[in-house]
Amino acid sequence: QVQLVESGGGLVQPGESLNLSCAASGRAFSFYTMGWYRQAPGKQRERVALILSDGITSYADSVKGRFTISRDNSKNTVYLQLNSLKPEDTAVYYCVAFQVGLTTNSWWGQGTQVTVSS
């Protein structure tokens, strides 16, 4: 079982930045694929960014060039830097850990609210 705790959300104006953090429990963090998803009111949850255990990253088209995912295996932490925020980025952001093998296990954090409004 992996516990994930997100932090760093808040209320910002358009064009501003936020840095989200997600701290994970356990000793196998470096082997996990980590990701950030988000869910806006009335919309389906969508994948924002992923980072593999080897550091390879991928992003949703809507955030490419604005968001950056990174990880620090020594701290069991994954980050999401959000720059040039837009009102449409408003959502609850969730951290997720994937353990990929013969079967795939996943664990989700409780979410952190990001609100972009003038």
N, C-alpha and C. Protein backbone atom coordinates (compact mmCIF):
# COMPACT_ATOMS: atom_id res chain seq x y z
N GLN A 1 0.83 -1.19 0.00
CA GLN A 1 0.00 0.00 0.00
C GLN A 1 0.87 1.24 0.00
N VAL A 2 0.53 2.20 -0.85
CA VAL A 2 1.27 3.45 -0.96
C VAL A 2 0.34 4.59 -0.57
N GLN A 3 0.80 5.44 0.30
CA GLN A 3 0.02 6.63 0.64
C GLN A 3 0.64 7.84 -0.03
N LEU A 4 -0.21 8.67 -0.61
CA LEU A 4 0.24 9.85 -1.33
C LEU A 4 -0.42 11.08 -0.72
N VAL A 5 0.38 12.10 -0.50
CA VAL A 5 -0.13 13.33 0.09
C VAL A 5 0.29 14.51 -0.78
N GLU A 6 -0.71 15.15 -1.39
CA GLU A 6 -0.43 16.30 -2.24
C GLU A 6 -0.46 17.60 -1.43
N SER A 7 0.25 18.58 -1.93
CA SER A 7 0.24 19.92 -1.33
C SER A 7 0.60 20.94 -2.40
N GLY A 8 0.33 22.21 -2.09
CA GLY A 8 0.76 23.27 -2.98
C GLY A 8 -0.34 23.93 -3.79
N GLY A 9 -1.55 23.42 -3.70
CA GLY A 9 -2.63 24.05 -4.44
C GLY A 9 -3.00 25.41 -3.87
N GLY A 10 -3.87 26.11 -4.58
CA GLY A 10 -4.29 27.42 -4.08
C GLY A 10 -5.03 28.21 -5.13
N LEU A 11 -5.24 29.47 -4.81
CA LEU A 11 -5.93 30.41 -5.70
C LEU A 11 -4.90 31.37 -6.28
N VAL A 12 -4.83 31.43 -7.60
CA VAL A 12 -3.90 32.32 -8.27
C VAL A 12 -4.62 33.04 -9.41
N GLN A 13 -3.97 34.08 -9.90
CA GLN A 13 -4.51 34.81 -11.04
C GLN A 13 -3.98 34.22 -12.34
N PRO A 14 -4.68 34.44 -13.43
CA PRO A 14 -4.18 33.97 -14.73
C PRO A 14 -2.76 34.48 -14.99
N GLY A 15 -1.94 33.58 -15.52
CA GLY A 15 -0.55 33.93 -15.81
C GLY A 15 0.42 33.62 -14.70
N GLU A 16 -0.09 33.37 -13.51
CA GLU A 16 0.77 33.07 -12.38
C GLU A 16 1.16 31.59 -12.34
N SER A 17 1.96 31.24 -11.34
CA SER A 17 2.50 29.88 -11.24
C SER A 17 2.18 29.25 -9.90
N LEU A 18 2.22 27.93 -9.88
CA LEU A 18 2.11 27.13 -8.66
C LEU A 18 3.05 25.94 -8.79
N ASN A 19 3.45 25.42 -7.64
CA ASN A 19 4.25 24.18 -7.64
C ASN A 19 3.57 23.19 -6.72
N LEU A 20 3.11 22.10 -7.29
CA LEU A 20 2.46 21.04 -6.51
C LEU A 20 3.49 19.99 -6.12
N SER A 21 3.32 19.45 -4.94
CA SER A 21 4.18 18.37 -4.46
C SER A 21 3.33 17.18 -4.06
N CYS A 22 3.92 16.01 -4.17
CA CYS A 22 3.24 14.78 -3.76
C CYS A 22 4.27 13.88 -3.09
N ALA A 23 4.09 13.68 -1.79
CA ALA A 23 4.99 12.83 -1.02
C ALA A 23 4.41 11.44 -0.91
N ALA A 24 5.24 10.45 -1.19
CA ALA A 24 4.79 9.05 -1.18
C ALA A 24 5.44 8.27 -0.05
N SER A 25 4.70 7.31 0.48
CA SER A 25 5.25 6.42 1.50
C SER A 25 5.88 5.21 0.83
N GLY A 26 6.64 4.46 1.61
CA GLY A 26 7.18 3.22 1.10
C GLY A 26 8.59 3.35 0.57
N ARG A 27 9.17 2.18 0.23
CA ARG A 27 10.57 2.12 -0.18
C ARG A 27 10.77 1.87 -1.67
N ALA A 28 9.65 1.72 -2.41
CA ALA A 28 9.76 1.36 -3.82
C ALA A 28 9.45 2.52 -4.75
N PHE A 29 9.46 3.73 -4.19
CA PHE A 29 9.05 4.91 -4.99
C PHE A 29 9.80 5.00 -6.31
N SER A 30 11.09 4.76 -6.29
CA SER A 30 11.90 4.96 -7.50
C SER A 30 11.48 4.03 -8.64
N PHE A 31 10.77 2.97 -8.33
CA PHE A 31 10.34 2.02 -9.36
C PHE A 31 8.98 2.37 -9.95
N TYR A 32 8.27 3.29 -9.33
CA TYR A 32 6.92 3.60 -9.77
C TYR A 32 6.90 4.60 -10.91
N THR A 33 5.92 4.44 -11.79
CA THR A 33 5.53 5.53 -12.68
C THR A 33 4.63 6.45 -11.88
N MET A 34 4.94 7.74 -11.91
CA MET A 34 4.16 8.72 -11.17
C MET A 34 3.42 9.65 -12.13
N GLY A 35 2.26 10.09 -11.71
CA GLY A 35 1.50 10.95 -12.59
C GLY A 35 0.67 11.97 -11.85
N TRP A 36 0.25 12.97 -12.59
CA TRP A 36 -0.70 13.96 -12.11
C TRP A 36 -1.92 13.93 -13.03
N TYR A 37 -3.08 13.86 -12.42
CA TYR A 37 -4.35 13.93 -13.12
C TYR A 37 -5.12 15.12 -12.55
N ARG A 38 -6.15 15.54 -13.26
CA ARG A 38 -6.99 16.61 -12.74
C ARG A 38 -8.44 16.37 -13.13
N GLN A 39 -9.32 16.94 -12.33
CA GLN A 39 -10.75 16.85 -12.61
C GLN A 39 -11.41 18.18 -12.30
N ALA A 40 -11.97 18.76 -13.33
CA ALA A 40 -12.71 20.02 -13.19
C ALA A 40 -14.18 19.71 -12.93
N PRO A 41 -14.92 20.63 -12.33
CA PRO A 41 -16.34 20.40 -12.05
C PRO A 41 -17.10 20.04 -13.31
N GLY A 42 -17.84 18.94 -13.26
CA GLY A 42 -18.66 18.53 -14.38
C GLY A 42 -17.91 17.88 -15.52
N LYS A 43 -16.61 17.65 -15.34
CA LYS A 43 -15.80 17.05 -16.39
C LYS A 43 -15.17 15.75 -15.90
N GLN A 44 -14.75 14.95 -16.87
CA GLN A 44 -14.07 13.70 -16.53
C GLN A 44 -12.64 13.97 -16.09
N ARG A 45 -12.14 13.07 -15.27
CA ARG A 45 -10.74 13.18 -14.85
C ARG A 45 -9.84 12.98 -16.07
N GLU A 46 -8.80 13.80 -16.18
CA GLU A 46 -7.90 13.69 -17.32
C GLU A 46 -6.46 13.62 -16.84
N ARG A 47 -5.64 12.93 -17.62
CA ARG A 47 -4.23 12.82 -17.29
C ARG A 47 -3.53 14.10 -17.70
N VAL A 48 -2.72 14.63 -16.82
CA VAL A 48 -1.97 15.86 -17.07
C VAL A 48 -0.53 15.55 -17.47
N ALA A 49 0.13 14.72 -16.68
CA ALA A 49 1.54 14.43 -16.93
C ALA A 49 1.93 13.13 -16.26
N LEU A 50 2.91 12.46 -16.87
CA LEU A 50 3.47 11.23 -16.31
C LEU A 50 4.98 11.33 -16.30
N ILE A 51 5.60 10.65 -15.33
CA ILE A 51 7.05 10.51 -15.34
C ILE A 51 7.37 9.07 -14.98
N LEU A 52 8.13 8.42 -15.85
CA LEU A 52 8.49 7.03 -15.64
C LEU A 52 9.64 6.94 -14.62
N SER A 53 9.93 5.71 -14.23
CA SER A 53 11.00 5.51 -13.26
C SER A 53 12.35 5.96 -13.81
N ASP A 54 12.50 5.94 -15.14
CA ASP A 54 13.77 6.37 -15.74
C ASP A 54 13.80 7.86 -16.07
N GLY A 55 12.71 8.57 -15.69
CA GLY A 55 12.69 10.01 -15.88
C GLY A 55 12.03 10.49 -17.16
N ILE A 56 11.64 9.58 -18.03
CA ILE A 56 10.94 9.98 -19.25
C ILE A 56 9.58 10.57 -18.88
N THR A 57 9.23 11.67 -19.53
CA THR A 57 8.00 12.38 -19.20
C THR A 57 7.06 12.46 -20.40
N SER A 58 5.79 12.63 -20.11
CA SER A 58 4.81 12.89 -21.15
C SER A 58 3.75 13.84 -20.59
N TYR A 59 3.14 14.61 -21.49
CA TYR A 59 2.20 15.64 -21.08
C TYR A 59 0.95 15.64 -21.96
N ALA A 60 -0.13 16.09 -21.38
CA ALA A 60 -1.32 16.36 -22.17
C ALA A 60 -1.03 17.56 -23.07
N ASP A 61 -1.63 17.57 -24.25
CA ASP A 61 -1.39 18.67 -25.19
C ASP A 61 -1.76 20.02 -24.58
N SER A 62 -2.76 20.02 -23.75
CA SER A 62 -3.26 21.28 -23.18
C SER A 62 -2.28 21.94 -22.21
N VAL A 63 -1.28 21.19 -21.73
CA VAL A 63 -0.35 21.75 -20.75
C VAL A 63 1.10 21.74 -21.24
N LYS A 64 1.35 21.19 -22.41
CA LYS A 64 2.72 21.15 -22.93
C LYS A 64 3.31 22.56 -23.02
N GLY A 65 4.53 22.68 -22.56
CA GLY A 65 5.21 23.97 -22.58
C GLY A 65 4.89 24.86 -21.40
N ARG A 66 3.90 24.47 -20.59
CA ARG A 66 3.52 25.28 -19.42
C ARG A 66 3.76 24.53 -18.10
N PHE A 67 3.53 23.22 -18.13
CA PHE A 67 3.68 22.41 -16.91
C PHE A 67 4.92 21.53 -17.04
N THR A 68 5.55 21.28 -15.90
CA THR A 68 6.72 20.41 -15.86
C THR A 68 6.60 19.44 -14.69
N ILE A 69 6.70 18.14 -14.99
CA ILE A 69 6.69 17.12 -13.96
C ILE A 69 8.12 16.70 -13.68
N SER A 70 8.42 16.48 -12.41
CA SER A 70 9.76 16.03 -12.02
C SER A 70 9.63 15.16 -10.78
N ARG A 71 10.72 14.46 -10.47
CA ARG A 71 10.68 13.60 -9.29
C ARG A 71 12.02 13.65 -8.58
N ASP A 72 11.98 13.46 -7.28
CA ASP A 72 13.19 13.36 -6.46
C ASP A 72 13.07 12.05 -5.69
N ASN A 73 13.74 11.02 -6.19
CA ASN A 73 13.60 9.70 -5.57
C ASN A 73 14.18 9.67 -4.16
N SER A 74 15.13 10.54 -3.87
CA SER A 74 15.72 10.57 -2.52
C SER A 74 14.72 11.10 -1.49
N LYS A 75 13.71 11.81 -1.98
CA LYS A 75 12.69 12.38 -1.08
C LYS A 75 11.32 11.72 -1.27
N ASN A 76 11.26 10.69 -2.13
CA ASN A 76 9.97 10.04 -2.41
C ASN A 76 8.92 11.06 -2.81
N THR A 77 9.29 12.01 -3.64
CA THR A 77 8.39 13.11 -3.97
C THR A 77 8.37 13.36 -5.47
N VAL A 78 7.17 13.64 -5.97
CA VAL A 78 6.99 14.06 -7.36
C VAL A 78 6.39 15.46 -7.33
N TYR A 79 6.80 16.25 -8.31
CA TYR A 79 6.40 17.65 -8.38
C TYR A 79 5.69 17.94 -9.69
N LEU A 80 4.86 18.96 -9.68
CA LEU A 80 4.28 19.49 -10.91
C LEU A 80 4.37 21.01 -10.83
N GLN A 81 5.22 21.56 -11.70
CA GLN A 81 5.34 23.01 -11.80
C GLN A 81 4.34 23.50 -12.82
N LEU A 82 3.47 24.40 -12.40
CA LEU A 82 2.42 24.92 -13.27
C LEU A 82 2.73 26.39 -13.55
N ASN A 83 3.04 26.69 -14.78
CA ASN A 83 3.32 28.07 -15.19
C ASN A 83 2.25 28.57 -16.16
N SER A 84 2.19 29.88 -16.29
CA SER A 84 1.25 30.51 -17.22
C SER A 84 -0.16 29.94 -17.06
N LEU A 85 -0.62 29.90 -15.84
CA LEU A 85 -1.90 29.26 -15.56
C LEU A 85 -3.07 30.00 -16.21
N LYS A 86 -4.04 29.22 -16.61
CA LYS A 86 -5.24 29.74 -17.27
C LYS A 86 -6.47 29.35 -16.45
N PRO A 87 -7.56 30.07 -16.60
CA PRO A 87 -8.78 29.69 -15.86
C PRO A 87 -9.20 28.25 -16.12
N GLU A 88 -8.96 27.76 -17.32
CA GLU A 88 -9.34 26.38 -17.65
C GLU A 88 -8.46 25.34 -16.97
N ASP A 89 -7.41 25.76 -16.29
CA ASP A 89 -6.60 24.84 -15.50
C ASP A 89 -7.22 24.60 -14.12
N THR A 90 -8.26 25.32 -13.80
CA THR A 90 -8.93 25.14 -12.52
C THR A 90 -9.47 23.73 -12.39
N ALA A 91 -9.06 23.04 -11.33
CA ALA A 91 -9.46 21.64 -11.12
C ALA A 91 -8.89 21.16 -9.79
N VAL A 92 -9.34 19.99 -9.39
CA VAL A 92 -8.66 19.27 -8.32
C VAL A 92 -7.57 18.43 -8.98
N TYR A 93 -6.36 18.56 -8.50
CA TYR A 93 -5.22 17.84 -9.05
C TYR A 93 -4.88 16.67 -8.14
N TYR A 94 -4.76 15.49 -8.77
CA TYR A 94 -4.48 14.26 -8.04
C TYR A 94 -3.13 13.69 -8.43
N CYS A 95 -2.43 13.21 -7.46
CA CYS A 95 -1.19 12.48 -7.67
C CYS A 95 -1.52 10.99 -7.71
N VAL A 96 -0.83 10.26 -8.58
CA VAL A 96 -1.09 8.82 -8.68
C VAL A 96 0.23 8.08 -8.85
N ALA A 97 0.32 6.92 -8.24
CA ALA A 97 1.48 6.06 -8.39
C ALA A 97 1.05 4.77 -9.06
N PHE A 98 1.81 4.34 -10.07
CA PHE A 98 1.53 3.11 -10.78
C PHE A 98 2.68 2.13 -10.55
N GLN A 99 2.31 0.93 -10.16
CA GLN A 99 3.28 -0.17 -10.06
C GLN A 99 2.97 -1.11 -11.22
N VAL A 100 3.83 -1.10 -12.23
CA VAL A 100 3.56 -1.84 -13.46
C VAL A 100 4.32 -3.15 -13.43
N GLY A 101 3.61 -4.24 -13.64
CA GLY A 101 4.23 -5.56 -13.70
C GLY A 101 3.31 -6.49 -14.45
N LEU A 102 3.20 -7.73 -13.99
CA LEU A 102 2.25 -8.66 -14.61
C LEU A 102 0.84 -8.09 -14.47
N THR A 103 0.61 -7.43 -13.37
CA THR A 103 -0.61 -6.64 -13.19
C THR A 103 -0.18 -5.23 -12.81
N THR A 104 -1.07 -4.30 -12.94
CA THR A 104 -0.78 -2.92 -12.59
C THR A 104 -1.59 -2.51 -11.37
N ASN A 105 -0.88 -2.03 -10.36
CA ASN A 105 -1.54 -1.47 -9.20
C ASN A 105 -1.44 0.05 -9.25
N SER A 106 -2.40 0.73 -8.68
CA SER A 106 -2.36 2.18 -8.64
C SER A 106 -2.87 2.69 -7.31
N TRP A 107 -2.30 3.79 -6.90
CA TRP A 107 -2.70 4.44 -5.67
C TRP A 107 -2.88 5.93 -5.94
N TRP A 108 -3.89 6.54 -5.34
CA TRP A 108 -4.25 7.93 -5.59
C TRP A 108 -4.17 8.74 -4.30
N GLY A 109 -3.77 9.99 -4.47
CA GLY A 109 -3.82 10.93 -3.36
C GLY A 109 -5.22 11.49 -3.20
N GLN A 110 -5.36 12.34 -2.20
CA GLN A 110 -6.68 12.90 -1.91
C GLN A 110 -7.03 14.11 -2.77
N GLY A 111 -6.04 14.65 -3.45
CA GLY A 111 -6.26 15.79 -4.34
C GLY A 111 -5.97 17.13 -3.68
N THR A 112 -5.60 18.08 -4.52
CA THR A 112 -5.38 19.45 -4.06
C THR A 112 -6.03 20.40 -5.06
N GLN A 113 -6.73 21.39 -4.55
CA GLN A 113 -7.50 22.30 -5.41
C GLN A 113 -6.60 23.38 -5.99
N VAL A 114 -6.70 23.56 -7.30
CA VAL A 114 -6.05 24.68 -7.98
C VAL A 114 -7.15 25.52 -8.62
N THR A 115 -7.18 26.78 -8.26
CA THR A 115 -8.18 27.70 -8.81
C THR A 115 -7.46 28.88 -9.45
N VAL A 116 -7.78 29.11 -10.72
CA VAL A 116 -7.18 30.21 -11.47
C VAL A 116 -8.29 31.19 -11.82
N SER A 117 -8.22 32.35 -11.22
CA SER A 117 -9.30 33.32 -11.39
C SER A 117 -8.79 34.72 -11.13
N SER A 118 -9.33 35.66 -11.89
CA SER A 118 -8.98 37.06 -11.67
C SER A 118 -9.99 37.72 -10.74
